Amino acid sequence: MEKLSQYLKDPFRILSGVLRRIAPWISNDELYLRILFFLKQRKVLHLKNPQTFSEKLQWLKLYDRKPEYTTMVDKYAVKEYVANIIGEEYIIPTIGVWDKPEDIDWDSLPDKFVLKTTHGGGSVGVVICKDKNSFNKEKAIRNLSQSLKQNIYTELREWPYKDVKKRIIAEPFLEDFSNNSQDLPDFKFFCFNGDPKYCQVIKDRNTKETIDFFDINWQHQEFIGLNPVKGDQYHNAKVTPSIPKHFQEMQVIASKLSKNIPFSRIDLYEINGKVYFGEITLFPASGMGVFKPEEWNKRLGDMLDLSLCQIS
């Protein structure tokens, strides 16, 4: 009832839900994005002369369509792609790959593991097991099945996902014994044509998530970025995150992986003194989130040079 009440107070959320349901019948990507952007941002989408970061991400969805982007967003295929650039030592091992939840070989999995759908984001697309004896297998199957039904291209028009093969991968559950947090901090580098400008640090994702931005000199920034419109629950950490021991190494990795891409977010982890690759994200929050203060949407937009794109 509480969720229903929230929807009734916000008709834009109702209309967004309706739009997603009819998305498969709207073939014009530009038209769809204009409608979705208005419902999410409460603003008109300017594509002839985009200015903000959010607008430019929508422009990139339509016009920057390199075939290798599909590999980059595939959580399984990207591992080989990244290993060829920075080395196998940065890749989290894959325990198994399956086409559907019913095929998972549960006996082959260790006591602690992570399951991910290769085409999906967080939420139901990621299942974490910290104790196999108490693990709810039925719930995991339901969540993964739900994730496999999602279509990021259809619902958000993120073109790279159009041809990603939907699968499930298993990875070991990695713990950082030097970190007091229950969740691994994410270090997400905002890169513009191979140039890392900011590092977004997300902590305590599954409890009371906090977001902090730092520049490449580890100077704390005033903004929080790309939250939902109703994202006032996101705040900086009470204790400012410390600079990773391998921060310079992370910058080098982010630069190599983001080379010749107008914008990309390179996600990395630092676990027990070692850097690991997480994922490559081309459209954080699908470009539909908001910045606080709002002026940072324009400031990051100024860093994204669309003239470097080869329009397809």
C-alpha atoms as a PDB file:
ATOM      1  CA  MET A   1       0.000   0.000   0.000  1.00  0.00           C
ATOM      2  CA  GLU A   2       2.883   2.363   0.807  1.00  0.00           C
ATOM      3  CA  LYS A   3       4.383   1.836  -2.652  1.00  0.00           C
ATOM      4  CA  LEU A   4       0.981   2.382  -4.281  1.00  0.00           C
ATOM      5  CA  SER A   5       0.544   5.592  -2.283  1.00  0.00           C
ATOM      6  CA  GLN A   6       3.903   6.885  -3.536  1.00  0.00           C
ATOM      7  CA  TYR A   7       2.920   6.214  -7.137  1.00  0.00           C
ATOM      8  CA  LEU A   8      -0.435   7.958  -6.728  1.00  0.00           C
ATOM      9  CA  LYS A   9       1.314  11.058  -5.353  1.00  0.00           C
ATOM     10  CA  ASP A  10       3.581  11.162  -8.388  1.00  0.00           C
ATOM     11  CA  PRO A  11       1.702  10.762 -11.702  1.00  0.00           C
ATOM     12  CA  PHE A  12       5.000  10.934 -13.595  1.00  0.00           C
ATOM     13  CA  ARG A  13       5.983   7.588 -12.066  1.00  0.00           C
ATOM     14  CA  ILE A  14       2.699   6.090 -13.222  1.00  0.00           C
ATOM     15  CA  LEU A  15       3.249   7.399 -16.740  1.00  0.00           C
ATOM     16  CA  SER A  16       6.841   6.115 -16.728  1.00  0.00           C
ATOM     17  CA  GLY A  17       5.533   2.667 -15.824  1.00  0.00           C
ATOM     18  CA  VAL A  18       2.978   2.820 -18.618  1.00  0.00           C
ATOM     19  CA  LEU A  19       5.665   3.902 -21.084  1.00  0.00           C
ATOM     20  CA  ARG A  20       7.875   0.952 -20.203  1.00  0.00           C
ATOM     21  CA  ARG A  21       4.983  -1.430 -20.751  1.00  0.00           C
ATOM     22  CA  ILE A  22       4.336  -0.117 -24.245  1.00  0.00           C
ATOM     23  CA  ALA A  23       8.051   0.327 -25.017  1.00  0.00           C
ATOM     24  CA  PRO A  24       8.264  -2.715 -27.347  1.00  0.00           C
ATOM     25  CA  TRP A  25       5.723  -1.062 -29.657  1.00  0.00           C
ATOM     26  CA  ILE A  26       7.608   2.248 -29.934  1.00  0.00           C
ATOM     27  CA  SER A  27      10.292   1.687 -32.547  1.00  0.00           C
ATOM     28  CA  ASN A  28      11.493   5.282 -32.829  1.00  0.00           C
ATOM     29  CA  ASP A  29      14.351   5.568 -30.318  1.00  0.00           C
ATOM     30  CA  GLU A  30      14.475   9.357 -30.408  1.00  0.00           C
ATOM     31  CA  LEU A  31      10.768   9.738 -29.764  1.00  0.00           C
ATOM     32  CA  TYR A  32      10.918   7.219 -26.923  1.00  0.00           C
ATOM     33  CA  LEU A  33      13.860   8.967 -25.262  1.00  0.00           C
ATOM     34  CA  ARG A  34      12.178  12.359 -25.526  1.00  0.00           C
ATOM     35  CA  ILE A  35       9.118  11.029 -23.710  1.00  0.00           C
ATOM     36  CA  LEU A  36      11.108   9.097 -21.108  1.00  0.00           C
ATOM     37  CA  PHE A  37      13.440  12.030 -20.441  1.00  0.00           C
ATOM     38  CA  PHE A  38      10.509  14.357 -19.838  1.00  0.00           C
ATOM     39  CA  LEU A  39       8.868  11.896 -17.447  1.00  0.00           C
ATOM     40  CA  LYS A  40      12.107  11.269 -15.547  1.00  0.00           C
ATOM     41  CA  GLN A  41      13.717  14.724 -15.627  1.00  0.00           C
ATOM     42  CA  ARG A  42      10.595  16.906 -15.906  1.00  0.00           C
ATOM     43  CA  LYS A  43      12.409  18.704 -18.742  1.00  0.00           C
ATOM     44  CA  VAL A  44      12.448  18.835 -22.525  1.00  0.00           C
ATOM     45  CA  LEU A  45      15.298  16.847 -24.075  1.00  0.00           C
ATOM     46  CA  HIS A  46      17.484  19.007 -26.344  1.00  0.00           C
ATOM     47  CA  LEU A  47      19.242  16.839 -28.917  1.00  0.00           C
ATOM     48  CA  LYS A  48      20.262  19.383 -31.579  1.00  0.00           C
ATOM     49  CA  ASN A  49      22.452  21.235 -29.108  1.00  0.00           C
ATOM     50  CA  PRO A  50      22.644  19.187 -25.894  1.00  0.00           C
ATOM     51  CA  GLN A  51      24.308  20.984 -22.990  1.00  0.00           C
ATOM     52  CA  THR A  52      23.949  18.957 -19.816  1.00  0.00           C
ATOM     53  CA  PHE A  53      25.565  15.641 -18.972  1.00  0.00           C
ATOM     54  CA  SER A  54      22.135  13.983 -18.920  1.00  0.00           C
ATOM     55  CA  GLU A  55      21.215  15.326 -22.364  1.00  0.00           C
ATOM     56  CA  LYS A  56      24.531  14.316 -23.885  1.00  0.00           C
ATOM     57  CA  LEU A  57      24.162  10.751 -22.631  1.00  0.00           C
ATOM     58  CA  GLN A  58      20.839  10.532 -24.474  1.00  0.00           C
ATOM     59  CA  TRP A  59      22.573  11.874 -27.616  1.00  0.00           C
ATOM     60  CA  LEU A  60      25.256   9.196 -27.282  1.00  0.00           C
ATOM     61  CA  LYS A  61      22.590   6.490 -27.030  1.00  0.00           C
ATOM     62  CA  LEU A  62      21.307   7.537 -30.443  1.00  0.00           C
ATOM     63  CA  TYR A  63      24.463   8.347 -32.361  1.00  0.00           C
ATOM     64  CA  ASP A  64      27.549   6.720 -30.809  1.00  0.00           C
ATOM     65  CA  ARG A  65      27.059   3.054 -31.633  1.00  0.00           C
ATOM     66  CA  LYS A  66      30.366   1.246 -31.848  1.00  0.00           C
ATOM     67  CA  PRO A  67      30.008  -2.569 -32.052  1.00  0.00           C
ATOM     68  CA  GLU A  68      32.557  -3.074 -29.251  1.00  0.00           C
ATOM     69  CA  TYR A  69      30.211  -1.354 -26.796  1.00  0.00           C
ATOM     70  CA  THR A  70      28.104  -4.522 -26.731  1.00  0.00           C
ATOM     71  CA  THR A  71      31.128  -6.471 -25.488  1.00  0.00           C
ATOM     72  CA  MET A  72      31.903  -3.802 -22.897  1.00  0.00           C
ATOM     73  CA  VAL A  73      28.493  -4.015 -21.207  1.00  0.00           C
ATOM     74  CA  ASP A  74      28.330  -7.836 -21.279  1.00  0.00           C
ATOM     75  CA  LYS A  75      29.504  -8.859 -17.790  1.00  0.00           C
ATOM     76  CA  TYR A  76      30.956 -12.118 -19.134  1.00  0.00           C
ATOM     77  CA  ALA A  77      32.377 -11.081 -22.510  1.00  0.00           C
ATOM     78  CA  VAL A  78      33.950  -7.921 -21.053  1.00  0.00           C
ATOM     79  CA  LYS A  79      36.370  -9.962 -18.953  1.00  0.00           C
ATOM     80  CA  GLU A  80      38.384 -11.168 -21.931  1.00  0.00           C
ATOM     81  CA  TYR A  81      38.162  -7.713 -23.518  1.00  0.00           C
ATOM     82  CA  VAL A  82      39.560  -6.029 -20.393  1.00  0.00           C
ATOM     83  CA  ALA A  83      42.181  -8.731 -19.762  1.00  0.00           C
ATOM     84  CA  ASN A  84      43.605  -8.091 -23.228  1.00  0.00           C
ATOM     85  CA  ILE A  85      44.089  -4.419 -22.304  1.00  0.00           C
ATOM     86  CA  ILE A  86      45.265  -4.433 -18.671  1.00  0.00           C
ATOM     87  CA  GLY A  87      46.025  -8.080 -17.878  1.00  0.00           C
ATOM     88  CA  GLU A  88      44.303 -11.169 -16.503  1.00  0.00           C
ATOM     89  CA  GLU A  89      45.411 -10.401 -12.937  1.00  0.00           C
ATOM     90  CA  TYR A  90      42.745  -7.699 -12.599  1.00  0.00           C
ATOM     91  CA  ILE A  91      39.847  -9.966 -13.551  1.00  0.00           C
ATOM     92  CA  ILE A  92      37.552 -11.598 -10.990  1.00  0.00           C
ATOM     93  CA  PRO A  93      37.452 -15.322 -11.924  1.00  0.00           C
ATOM     94  CA  THR A  94      34.320 -16.888 -13.371  1.00  0.00           C
ATOM     95  CA  ILE A  95      33.166 -20.093 -11.653  1.00  0.00           C
ATOM     96  CA  GLY A  96      30.386 -20.972 -14.095  1.00  0.00           C
ATOM     97  CA  VAL A  97      28.139 -19.702 -16.889  1.00  0.00           C
ATOM     98  CA  TRP A  98      24.543 -20.773 -17.515  1.00  0.00           C
ATOM     99  CA  ASP A  99      21.710 -19.753 -19.837  1.00  0.00           C
ATOM    100  CA  LYS A 100      18.959 -19.936 -17.206  1.00  0.00           C
ATOM    101  CA  PRO A 101      18.627 -20.340 -13.427  1.00  0.00           C
ATOM    102  CA  GLU A 102      17.399 -23.924 -13.734  1.00  0.00           C
ATOM    103  CA  ASP A 103      20.754 -24.893 -15.281  1.00  0.00           C
ATOM    104  CA  ILE A 104      22.891 -23.652 -12.383  1.00  0.00           C
ATOM    105  CA  ASP A 105      25.104 -26.367 -10.924  1.00  0.00           C
ATOM    106  CA  TRP A 106      24.644 -25.464  -7.273  1.00  0.00           C
ATOM    107  CA  ASP A 107      26.949 -28.253  -6.071  1.00  0.00           C
ATOM    108  CA  SER A 108      29.854 -26.698  -7.987  1.00  0.00           C
ATOM    109  CA  LEU A 109      29.537 -23.389  -6.149  1.00  0.00           C
ATOM    110  CA  PRO A 110      31.637 -22.599  -3.059  1.00  0.00           C
ATOM    111  CA  ASP A 111      30.174 -21.661   0.323  1.00  0.00           C
ATOM    112  CA  LYS A 112      30.268 -17.979  -0.647  1.00  0.00           C
ATOM    113  CA  PHE A 113      29.570 -16.733  -4.167  1.00  0.00           C
ATOM    114  CA  VAL A 114      27.942 -14.075  -6.339  1.00  0.00           C
ATOM    115  CA  LEU A 115      25.526 -14.672  -9.231  1.00  0.00           C
ATOM    116  CA  LYS A 116      25.010 -12.021 -11.911  1.00  0.00           C
ATOM    117  CA  THR A 117      23.006 -11.729 -15.092  1.00  0.00           C
ATOM    118  CA  THR A 118      25.307 -10.707 -17.928  1.00  0.00           C
ATOM    119  CA  HIS A 119      22.965  -8.051 -19.313  1.00  0.00           C
ATOM    120  CA  GLY A 120      21.480  -6.560 -16.147  1.00  0.00           C
ATOM    121  CA  GLY A 121      22.271  -3.942 -13.570  1.00  0.00           C
ATOM    122  CA  GLY A 122      22.021  -4.315  -9.810  1.00  0.00           C
ATOM    123  CA  SER A 123      18.896  -5.190  -7.849  1.00  0.00           C
ATOM    124  CA  VAL A 124      17.510  -8.588  -8.936  1.00  0.00           C
ATOM    125  CA  GLY A 125      20.368  -8.983 -11.430  1.00  0.00           C
ATOM    126  CA  VAL A 126      22.854  -9.644  -8.615  1.00  0.00           C
ATOM    127  CA  VAL A 127      22.489 -12.398  -6.002  1.00  0.00           C
ATOM    128  CA  ILE A 128      24.972 -12.677  -3.138  1.00  0.00           C
ATOM    129  CA  CYS A 129      25.467 -15.804  -1.046  1.00  0.00           C
ATOM    130  CA  LYS A 130      27.526 -15.481   2.135  1.00  0.00           C
ATOM    131  CA  ASP A 131      26.484 -18.836   3.590  1.00  0.00           C
ATOM    132  CA  LYS A 132      25.343 -21.727   1.411  1.00  0.00           C
ATOM    133  CA  ASN A 133      23.586 -23.440   4.338  1.00  0.00           C
ATOM    134  CA  SER A 134      21.155 -20.545   4.836  1.00  0.00           C
ATOM    135  CA  PHE A 135      20.981 -19.465   1.197  1.00  0.00           C
ATOM    136  CA  ASN A 136      17.473 -19.059  -0.247  1.00  0.00           C
ATOM    137  CA  LYS A 137      17.872 -20.818  -3.585  1.00  0.00           C
ATOM    138  CA  GLU A 138      14.222 -20.386  -4.598  1.00  0.00           C
ATOM    139  CA  LYS A 139      14.361 -16.608  -4.091  1.00  0.00           C
ATOM    140  CA  ALA A 140      17.599 -16.441  -6.057  1.00  0.00           C
ATOM    141  CA  ILE A 141      16.003 -18.302  -8.957  1.00  0.00           C
ATOM    142  CA  ARG A 142      13.006 -15.949  -8.902  1.00  0.00           C
ATOM    143  CA  ASN A 143      15.207 -12.852  -8.912  1.00  0.00           C
ATOM    144  CA  LEU A 144      17.468 -14.108 -11.687  1.00  0.00           C
ATOM    145  CA  SER A 145      14.467 -15.166 -13.778  1.00  0.00           C
ATOM    146  CA  GLN A 146      12.992 -11.695 -13.330  1.00  0.00           C
ATOM    147  CA  SER A 147      16.279 -10.100 -14.358  1.00  0.00           C
ATOM    148  CA  LEU A 148      16.504 -12.259 -17.491  1.00  0.00           C
ATOM    149  CA  LYS A 149      13.142 -10.861 -18.596  1.00  0.00           C
ATOM    150  CA  GLN A 150      14.399  -7.284 -18.420  1.00  0.00           C
ATOM    151  CA  ASN A 151      15.442  -5.554 -21.622  1.00  0.00           C
ATOM    152  CA  ILE A 152      17.601  -2.472 -21.010  1.00  0.00           C
ATOM    153  CA  TYR A 153      17.619  -1.568 -24.679  1.00  0.00           C
ATOM    154  CA  THR A 154      13.843  -1.630 -25.003  1.00  0.00           C
ATOM    155  CA  GLU A 155      13.131   0.134 -21.706  1.00  0.00           C
ATOM    156  CA  LEU A 156      15.961   2.697 -21.689  1.00  0.00           C
ATOM    157  CA  ARG A 157      17.200   2.611 -25.308  1.00  0.00           C
ATOM    158  CA  GLU A 158      20.757   1.861 -24.266  1.00  0.00           C
ATOM    159  CA  TRP A 159      21.783   0.511 -27.655  1.00  0.00           C
ATOM    160  CA  PRO A 160      24.821  -1.572 -26.486  1.00  0.00           C
ATOM    161  CA  TYR A 161      22.470  -3.947 -24.661  1.00  0.00           C
ATOM    162  CA  LYS A 162      20.419  -4.757 -27.758  1.00  0.00           C
ATOM    163  CA  ASP A 163      22.450  -7.836 -28.687  1.00  0.00           C
ATOM    164  CA  VAL A 164      23.934  -8.879 -25.345  1.00  0.00           C
ATOM    165  CA  LYS A 165      23.428 -12.609 -24.798  1.00  0.00           C
ATOM    166  CA  LYS A 166      21.444 -13.081 -21.591  1.00  0.00           C
ATOM    167  CA  ARG A 167      23.246 -15.476 -19.272  1.00  0.00           C
ATOM    168  CA  ILE A 168      24.091 -15.998 -15.613  1.00  0.00           C
ATOM    169  CA  ILE A 169      27.646 -16.061 -14.301  1.00  0.00           C
ATOM    170  CA  ALA A 170      28.979 -17.124 -10.918  1.00  0.00           C
ATOM    171  CA  GLU A 171      31.972 -15.483  -9.258  1.00  0.00           C
ATOM    172  CA  PRO A 172      33.659 -15.970  -5.895  1.00  0.00           C
ATOM    173  CA  PHE A 173      32.477 -13.682  -3.112  1.00  0.00           C
ATOM    174  CA  LEU A 174      35.436 -11.400  -2.456  1.00  0.00           C
ATOM    175  CA  GLU A 175      35.922  -9.937   1.007  1.00  0.00           C
ATOM    176  CA  ASP A 176      38.258  -7.161   2.044  1.00  0.00           C
ATOM    177  CA  PHE A 177      39.413  -8.057   5.536  1.00  0.00           C
ATOM    178  CA  SER A 178      40.988  -4.620   6.003  1.00  0.00           C
ATOM    179  CA  ASN A 179      37.630  -2.911   5.485  1.00  0.00           C
ATOM    180  CA  ASN A 180      35.131  -2.594   8.335  1.00  0.00           C
ATOM    181  CA  SER A 181      32.162  -2.175   5.980  1.00  0.00           C
ATOM    182  CA  GLN A 182      30.022  -5.207   5.161  1.00  0.00           C
ATOM    183  CA  ASP A 183      29.947  -4.153   1.492  1.00  0.00           C
ATOM    184  CA  LEU A 184      32.940  -3.548  -0.733  1.00  0.00           C
ATOM    185  CA  PRO A 185      33.366   0.153  -1.556  1.00  0.00           C
ATOM    186  CA  ASP A 186      32.922   0.882  -5.273  1.00  0.00           C
ATOM    187  CA  PHE A 187      35.429   3.202  -6.903  1.00  0.00           C
ATOM    188  CA  LYS A 188      33.760   4.505 -10.054  1.00  0.00           C
ATOM    189  CA  PHE A 189      35.901   6.659 -12.331  1.00  0.00           C
ATOM    190  CA  PHE A 190      34.084   9.181 -14.533  1.00  0.00           C
ATOM    191  CA  CYS A 191      36.221   9.277 -17.679  1.00  0.00           C
ATOM    192  CA  PHE A 192      36.009  11.605 -20.661  1.00  0.00           C
ATOM    193  CA  ASN A 193      37.758  10.280 -23.775  1.00  0.00           C
ATOM    194  CA  GLY A 194      40.341   8.410 -21.712  1.00  0.00           C
ATOM    195  CA  ASP A 195      40.763  11.138 -19.087  1.00  0.00           C
ATOM    196  CA  PRO A 196      39.560  10.233 -15.562  1.00  0.00           C
ATOM    197  CA  LYS A 197      38.156  13.378 -13.954  1.00  0.00           C
ATOM    198  CA  TYR A 198      36.289  12.197 -10.869  1.00  0.00           C
ATOM    199  CA  CYS A 199      36.065   9.129  -8.685  1.00  0.00           C
ATOM    200  CA  GLN A 200      32.675   8.308  -7.233  1.00  0.00           C
ATOM    201  CA  VAL A 201      32.888   6.285  -4.019  1.00  0.00           C
ATOM    202  CA  ILE A 202      29.820   4.285  -3.009  1.00  0.00           C
ATOM    203  CA  LYS A 203      29.818   2.621   0.393  1.00  0.00           C
ATOM    204  CA  ASP A 204      27.362   0.457   2.356  1.00  0.00           C
ATOM    205  CA  ARG A 205      25.272  -0.172  -0.746  1.00  0.00           C
ATOM    206  CA  ASN A 206      23.009  -2.757   0.912  1.00  0.00           C
ATOM    207  CA  THR A 207      22.449  -0.848   4.156  1.00  0.00           C
ATOM    208  CA  LYS A 208      22.607   2.967   4.238  1.00  0.00           C
ATOM    209  CA  GLU A 209      24.234   3.794   0.917  1.00  0.00           C
ATOM    210  CA  THR A 210      26.492   6.837   0.794  1.00  0.00           C
ATOM    211  CA  ILE A 211      27.977   8.641  -2.212  1.00  0.00           C
ATOM    212  CA  ASP A 212      31.089  10.803  -2.331  1.00  0.00           C
ATOM    213  CA  PHE A 213      32.918  12.335  -5.291  1.00  0.00           C
ATOM    214  CA  PHE A 214      36.620  13.137  -5.423  1.00  0.00           C
ATOM    215  CA  ASP A 215      38.791  14.694  -8.100  1.00  0.00           C
ATOM    216  CA  ILE A 216      42.010  13.000  -9.237  1.00  0.00           C
ATOM    217  CA  ASN A 217      43.912  14.724  -6.399  1.00  0.00           C
ATOM    218  CA  TRP A 218      41.461  13.177  -3.911  1.00  0.00           C
ATOM    219  CA  GLN A 219      39.873  16.512  -3.105  1.00  0.00           C
ATOM    220  CA  HIS A 220      36.316  15.987  -1.901  1.00  0.00           C
ATOM    221  CA  GLN A 221      33.685  17.477  -4.204  1.00  0.00           C
ATOM    222  CA  GLU A 222      30.485  19.259  -3.264  1.00  0.00           C
ATOM    223  CA  PHE A 223      28.132  17.342  -5.542  1.00  0.00           C
ATOM    224  CA  ILE A 224      26.294  14.038  -5.458  1.00  0.00           C
ATOM    225  CA  GLY A 225      25.379  12.743  -8.859  1.00  0.00           C
ATOM    226  CA  LEU A 226      22.904  10.704 -10.828  1.00  0.00           C
ATOM    227  CA  ASN A 227      20.432   9.804  -8.139  1.00  0.00           C
ATOM    228  CA  PRO A 228      16.750   9.234  -8.843  1.00  0.00           C
ATOM    229  CA  VAL A 229      14.572  12.342  -8.889  1.00  0.00           C
ATOM    230  CA  LYS A 230      13.364  11.377  -5.428  1.00  0.00           C
ATOM    231  CA  GLY A 231      16.965  10.795  -4.353  1.00  0.00           C
ATOM    232  CA  ASP A 232      17.174  12.943  -1.228  1.00  0.00           C
ATOM    233  CA  GLN A 233      18.034   9.833   0.800  1.00  0.00           C
ATOM    234  CA  TYR A 234      21.553   9.801  -0.657  1.00  0.00           C
ATOM    235  CA  HIS A 235      24.212  11.595   1.340  1.00  0.00           C
ATOM    236  CA  ASN A 236      27.957  11.773   1.830  1.00  0.00           C
ATOM    237  CA  ALA A 237      29.521   9.305   4.222  1.00  0.00           C
ATOM    238  CA  LYS A 238      29.774  10.561   7.812  1.00  0.00           C
ATOM    239  CA  VAL A 239      33.477   9.733   7.713  1.00  0.00           C
ATOM    240  CA  THR A 240      35.093  10.884   4.466  1.00  0.00           C
ATOM    241  CA  PRO A 241      36.451   7.831   2.597  1.00  0.00           C
ATOM    242  CA  SER A 242      40.214   7.454   2.601  1.00  0.00           C
ATOM    243  CA  ILE A 243      42.181   7.459  -0.624  1.00  0.00           C
ATOM    244  CA  PRO A 244      42.766   3.897  -1.933  1.00  0.00           C
ATOM    245  CA  LYS A 245      46.344   2.676  -1.572  1.00  0.00           C
ATOM    246  CA  HIS A 246      46.454   1.959  -5.296  1.00  0.00           C
ATOM    247  CA  PHE A 247      44.660   5.095  -6.447  1.00  0.00           C
ATOM    248  CA  GLN A 248      47.260   5.999  -9.074  1.00  0.00           C
ATOM    249  CA  GLU A 249      47.186   2.467 -10.463  1.00  0.00           C
ATOM    250  CA  MET A 250      43.404   2.719 -10.642  1.00  0.00           C
ATOM    251  CA  GLN A 251      43.675   5.956 -12.619  1.00  0.00           C
ATOM    252  CA  VAL A 252      46.002   4.315 -15.134  1.00  0.00           C
ATOM    253  CA  ILE A 253      43.597   1.392 -15.549  1.00  0.00           C
ATOM    254  CA  ALA A 254      40.605   3.715 -15.946  1.00  0.00           C
ATOM    255  CA  SER A 255      42.473   5.746 -18.553  1.00  0.00           C
ATOM    256  CA  LYS A 256      43.392   2.663 -20.593  1.00  0.00           C
ATOM    257  CA  LEU A 257      39.874   1.198 -20.515  1.00  0.00           C
ATOM    258  CA  SER A 258      38.150   4.480 -21.370  1.00  0.00           C
ATOM    259  CA  LYS A 259      40.416   5.433 -24.264  1.00  0.00           C
ATOM    260  CA  ASN A 260      38.540   6.675 -27.357  1.00  0.00           C
ATOM    261  CA  ILE A 261      35.161   6.537 -25.581  1.00  0.00           C
ATOM    262  CA  PRO A 262      33.419   9.945 -25.263  1.00  0.00           C
ATOM    263  CA  PHE A 263      32.257   9.043 -21.772  1.00  0.00           C
ATOM    264  CA  SER A 264      32.546   5.904 -19.691  1.00  0.00           C
ATOM    265  CA  ARG A 265      32.486   5.015 -16.042  1.00  0.00           C
ATOM    266  CA  ILE A 266      35.122   2.482 -15.071  1.00  0.00           C
ATOM    267  CA  ASP A 267      34.246   0.596 -11.880  1.00  0.00           C
ATOM    268  CA  LEU A 268      37.078  -0.835  -9.798  1.00  0.00           C
ATOM    269  CA  TYR A 269      37.568  -2.468  -6.415  1.00  0.00           C
ATOM    270  CA  GLU A 270      40.509  -2.538  -4.016  1.00  0.00           C
ATOM    271  CA  ILE A 271      40.457  -5.823  -2.126  1.00  0.00           C
ATOM    272  CA  ASN A 272      43.169  -6.900   0.291  1.00  0.00           C
ATOM    273  CA  GLY A 273      45.700  -4.646  -1.358  1.00  0.00           C
ATOM    274  CA  LYS A 274      44.835  -5.649  -4.924  1.00  0.00           C
ATOM    275  CA  VAL A 275      42.889  -3.869  -7.652  1.00  0.00           C
ATOM    276  CA  TYR A 276      40.060  -5.684  -9.461  1.00  0.00           C
ATOM    277  CA  PHE A 277      37.972  -4.681 -12.458  1.00  0.00           C
ATOM    278  CA  GLY A 278      34.240  -4.356 -11.847  1.00  0.00           C
ATOM    279  CA  GLU A 279      32.483  -3.186 -15.007  1.00  0.00           C
ATOM    280  CA  ILE A 280      32.300  -0.564 -17.736  1.00  0.00           C
ATOM    281  CA  THR A 281      29.200   1.623 -17.630  1.00  0.00           C
ATOM    282  CA  LEU A 282      28.397   3.896 -20.557  1.00  0.00           C
ATOM    283  CA  PHE A 283      25.186   5.474 -19.235  1.00  0.00           C
ATOM    284  CA  PRO A 284      25.150   5.860 -15.417  1.00  0.00           C
ATOM    285  CA  ALA A 285      21.540   5.822 -14.215  1.00  0.00           C
ATOM    286  CA  SER A 286      20.800   5.804 -17.959  1.00  0.00           C
ATOM    287  CA  GLY A 287      21.357   9.563 -17.839  1.00  0.00           C
ATOM    288  CA  MET A 288      17.992   9.939 -16.124  1.00  0.00           C
ATOM    289  CA  GLY A 289      19.189  10.821 -12.638  1.00  0.00           C
ATOM    290  CA  VAL A 290      19.777  14.205 -11.052  1.00  0.00           C
ATOM    291  CA  PHE A 291      22.700  16.102  -9.569  1.00  0.00           C
ATOM    292  CA  LYS A 292      22.812  17.974  -6.285  1.00  0.00           C
ATOM    293  CA  PRO A 293      23.603  20.859  -6.762  1.00  0.00           C
ATOM    294  CA  GLU A 294      21.948  20.808 -10.189  1.00  0.00           C
ATOM    295  CA  GLU A 295      24.634  23.033 -11.768  1.00  0.00           C
ATOM    296  CA  TRP A 296      26.952  20.024 -11.876  1.00  0.00           C
ATOM    297  CA  ASN A 297      24.840  18.467 -14.606  1.00  0.00           C
ATOM    298  CA  LYS A 298      26.013  21.317 -16.859  1.00  0.00           C
ATOM    299  CA  ARG A 299      29.584  21.289 -15.536  1.00  0.00           C
ATOM    300  CA  LEU A 300      30.064  17.609 -16.324  1.00  0.00           C
ATOM    301  CA  GLY A 301      28.256  18.158 -19.614  1.00  0.00           C
ATOM    302  CA  ASP A 302      30.907  20.713 -20.555  1.00  0.00           C
ATOM    303  CA  MET A 303      33.554  17.994 -20.155  1.00  0.00           C
ATOM    304  CA  LEU A 304      31.804  15.643 -22.584  1.00  0.00           C
ATOM    305  CA  ASP A 305      32.949  16.626 -26.097  1.00  0.00           C
ATOM    306  CA  LEU A 306      30.505  15.186 -28.643  1.00  0.00           C
ATOM    307  CA  SER A 307      32.574  16.490 -31.544  1.00  0.00           C
ATOM    308  CA  LEU A 308      34.975  13.593 -30.922  1.00  0.00           C
ATOM    309  CA  CYS A 309      32.271  11.066 -31.835  1.00  0.00           C
ATOM    310  CA  GLN A 310      32.038   9.339 -35.162  1.00  0.00           C
ATOM    311  CA  ILE A 311      28.298   9.507 -35.777  1.00  0.00           C
ATOM    312  CA  SER A 312      26.789   6.214 -36.927  1.00  0.00           C
END
